[in-house]
Amino acid sequence: MDAFTAGLLQRIRATESDLTRALDEGDDFLVEVEQGELDDLRRLAAEHGVEVARSSV
């Protein structure tokens, strides 16, 4: 796995964690921010052929 792929997957995991925390805390604004970031990261992964396991978030 190259550095780009590893970094991208790490950012996706971190964002999923942040999204889960925002959901748990009921922070609607932060949920929107984190969901947007996650959508962008997943799109970037798809554009570069990086397979991302779908989480429950």
N, C-alpha and C. Protein backbone atom coordinates (compact mmCIF):
# COMPACT_ATOMS: atom_id res chain seq x y z
N MET A 1 0.85 -1.17 0.00
CA MET A 1 0.00 0.00 0.00
C MET A 1 0.90 1.24 0.00
N ASP A 2 0.60 2.15 -0.91
CA ASP A 2 1.42 3.36 -0.98
C ASP A 2 0.97 4.38 0.07
N ALA A 3 1.76 5.42 0.21
CA ALA A 3 1.51 6.43 1.24
C ALA A 3 0.19 7.16 1.00
N PHE A 4 -0.14 7.42 -0.26
CA PHE A 4 -1.40 8.10 -0.58
C PHE A 4 -2.58 7.28 -0.09
N THR A 5 -2.60 6.00 -0.44
CA THR A 5 -3.69 5.12 -0.06
C THR A 5 -3.79 4.99 1.45
N ALA A 6 -2.66 4.77 2.10
CA ALA A 6 -2.66 4.64 3.56
C ALA A 6 -3.17 5.91 4.23
N GLY A 7 -2.72 7.05 3.76
CA GLY A 7 -3.15 8.32 4.33
C GLY A 7 -4.63 8.57 4.12
N LEU A 8 -5.10 8.25 2.93
CA LEU A 8 -6.52 8.44 2.62
C LEU A 8 -7.39 7.55 3.49
N LEU A 9 -7.00 6.29 3.63
CA LEU A 9 -7.79 5.37 4.46
C LEU A 9 -7.77 5.80 5.93
N GLN A 10 -6.64 6.33 6.38
CA GLN A 10 -6.55 6.81 7.76
C GLN A 10 -7.47 8.01 7.96
N ARG A 11 -7.49 8.93 6.99
CA ARG A 11 -8.37 10.10 7.09
C ARG A 11 -9.83 9.68 7.08
N ILE A 12 -10.17 8.67 6.30
CA ILE A 12 -11.56 8.18 6.26
C ILE A 12 -11.93 7.61 7.62
N ARG A 13 -11.07 6.79 8.20
CA ARG A 13 -11.36 6.20 9.53
C ARG A 13 -11.52 7.29 10.58
N ALA A 14 -10.64 8.29 10.55
CA ALA A 14 -10.71 9.37 11.53
C ALA A 14 -12.00 10.18 11.36
N THR A 15 -12.38 10.43 10.12
CA THR A 15 -13.60 11.19 9.86
C THR A 15 -14.83 10.40 10.27
N GLU A 16 -14.82 9.10 10.02
CA GLU A 16 -15.93 8.26 10.47
C GLU A 16 -16.06 8.31 11.99
N SER A 17 -14.94 8.28 12.68
CA SER A 17 -14.95 8.37 14.13
C SER A 17 -15.49 9.73 14.59
N ASP A 18 -15.05 10.79 13.95
CA ASP A 18 -15.53 12.13 14.29
C ASP A 18 -17.03 12.26 14.02
N LEU A 19 -17.49 11.66 12.93
CA LEU A 19 -18.91 11.69 12.60
C LEU A 19 -19.73 10.95 13.65
N THR A 20 -19.25 9.79 14.05
CA THR A 20 -19.94 9.03 15.09
C THR A 20 -20.04 9.82 16.38
N ARG A 21 -18.96 10.47 16.74
CA ARG A 21 -18.95 11.29 17.97
C ARG A 21 -19.94 12.45 17.85
N ALA A 22 -19.98 13.11 16.70
CA ALA A 22 -20.91 14.22 16.49
C ALA A 22 -22.36 13.74 16.57
N LEU A 23 -22.62 12.56 16.00
CA LEU A 23 -23.97 11.99 16.08
C LEU A 23 -24.34 11.68 17.52
N ASP A 24 -23.41 11.09 18.25
CA ASP A 24 -23.66 10.74 19.66
C ASP A 24 -23.92 11.98 20.51
N GLU A 25 -23.25 13.07 20.17
CA GLU A 25 -23.39 14.31 20.94
C GLU A 25 -24.57 15.15 20.48
N GLY A 26 -25.18 14.77 19.37
CA GLY A 26 -26.32 15.52 18.86
C GLY A 26 -25.94 16.86 18.25
N ASP A 27 -24.71 16.99 17.77
CA ASP A 27 -24.22 18.24 17.19
C ASP A 27 -24.54 18.23 15.69
N ASP A 28 -25.70 18.76 15.33
CA ASP A 28 -26.16 18.70 13.94
C ASP A 28 -25.23 19.40 12.96
N PHE A 29 -24.67 20.54 13.37
CA PHE A 29 -23.75 21.25 12.49
C PHE A 29 -22.50 20.41 12.21
N LEU A 30 -21.92 19.86 13.26
CA LEU A 30 -20.72 19.05 13.10
C LEU A 30 -21.01 17.78 12.31
N VAL A 31 -22.20 17.23 12.47
CA VAL A 31 -22.59 16.06 11.67
C VAL A 31 -22.54 16.42 10.18
N GLU A 32 -23.09 17.57 9.82
CA GLU A 32 -23.08 17.99 8.41
C GLU A 32 -21.66 18.18 7.90
N VAL A 33 -20.82 18.81 8.72
CA VAL A 33 -19.43 19.04 8.32
C VAL A 33 -18.70 17.71 8.11
N GLU A 34 -18.81 16.83 9.08
CA GLU A 34 -18.10 15.55 8.99
C GLU A 34 -18.65 14.68 7.87
N GLN A 35 -19.97 14.70 7.65
CA GLN A 35 -20.55 13.90 6.57
C GLN A 35 -20.07 14.42 5.22
N GLY A 36 -19.99 15.73 5.07
CA GLY A 36 -19.47 16.31 3.83
C GLY A 36 -18.03 15.92 3.59
N GLU A 37 -17.23 15.97 4.65
CA GLU A 37 -15.82 15.56 4.54
C GLU A 37 -15.72 14.08 4.16
N LEU A 38 -16.53 13.26 4.79
CA LEU A 38 -16.51 11.83 4.50
C LEU A 38 -16.92 11.55 3.06
N ASP A 39 -17.95 12.24 2.59
CA ASP A 39 -18.39 12.08 1.19
C ASP A 39 -17.26 12.46 0.24
N ASP A 40 -16.57 13.57 0.53
CA ASP A 40 -15.45 14.00 -0.33
C ASP A 40 -14.33 12.98 -0.33
N LEU A 41 -13.99 12.46 0.85
CA LEU A 41 -12.91 11.47 0.94
C LEU A 41 -13.27 10.18 0.20
N ARG A 42 -14.51 9.74 0.32
CA ARG A 42 -14.94 8.53 -0.39
C ARG A 42 -14.94 8.75 -1.89
N ARG A 43 -15.33 9.95 -2.34
CA ARG A 43 -15.29 10.27 -3.77
C ARG A 43 -13.84 10.24 -4.26
N LEU A 44 -12.94 10.85 -3.50
CA LEU A 44 -11.53 10.86 -3.85
C LEU A 44 -10.98 9.44 -3.94
N ALA A 45 -11.36 8.61 -2.98
CA ALA A 45 -10.92 7.21 -3.00
C ALA A 45 -11.41 6.51 -4.26
N ALA A 46 -12.67 6.70 -4.58
CA ALA A 46 -13.24 6.06 -5.77
C ALA A 46 -12.53 6.53 -7.04
N GLU A 47 -12.24 7.81 -7.12
CA GLU A 47 -11.55 8.35 -8.30
C GLU A 47 -10.16 7.77 -8.49
N HIS A 48 -9.55 7.32 -7.39
CA HIS A 48 -8.19 6.77 -7.45
C HIS A 48 -8.16 5.26 -7.29
N GLY A 49 -9.32 4.63 -7.36
CA GLY A 49 -9.38 3.18 -7.32
C GLY A 49 -9.07 2.58 -5.96
N VAL A 50 -9.25 3.37 -4.90
CA VAL A 50 -9.00 2.89 -3.55
C VAL A 50 -10.31 2.33 -3.02
N GLU A 51 -10.29 1.04 -2.69
CA GLU A 51 -11.49 0.39 -2.17
C GLU A 51 -11.66 0.71 -0.69
N VAL A 52 -12.84 1.19 -0.34
CA VAL A 52 -13.14 1.58 1.02
C VAL A 52 -14.32 0.74 1.50
N ALA A 53 -14.12 0.06 2.63
CA ALA A 53 -15.22 -0.71 3.22
C ALA A 53 -16.24 0.27 3.75
N ARG A 54 -17.50 0.02 3.48
CA ARG A 54 -18.57 0.89 3.98
C ARG A 54 -18.75 0.65 5.44
N SER A 55 -18.82 1.73 6.19
CA SER A 55 -19.06 1.62 7.62
C SER A 55 -20.55 1.80 7.89
N SER A 56 -20.90 1.65 9.15
CA SER A 56 -22.31 1.80 9.53
C SER A 56 -22.68 3.26 9.74
N VAL A 57 -21.73 4.17 9.52
CA VAL A 57 -21.98 5.60 9.71
C VAL A 57 -22.58 6.18 8.46
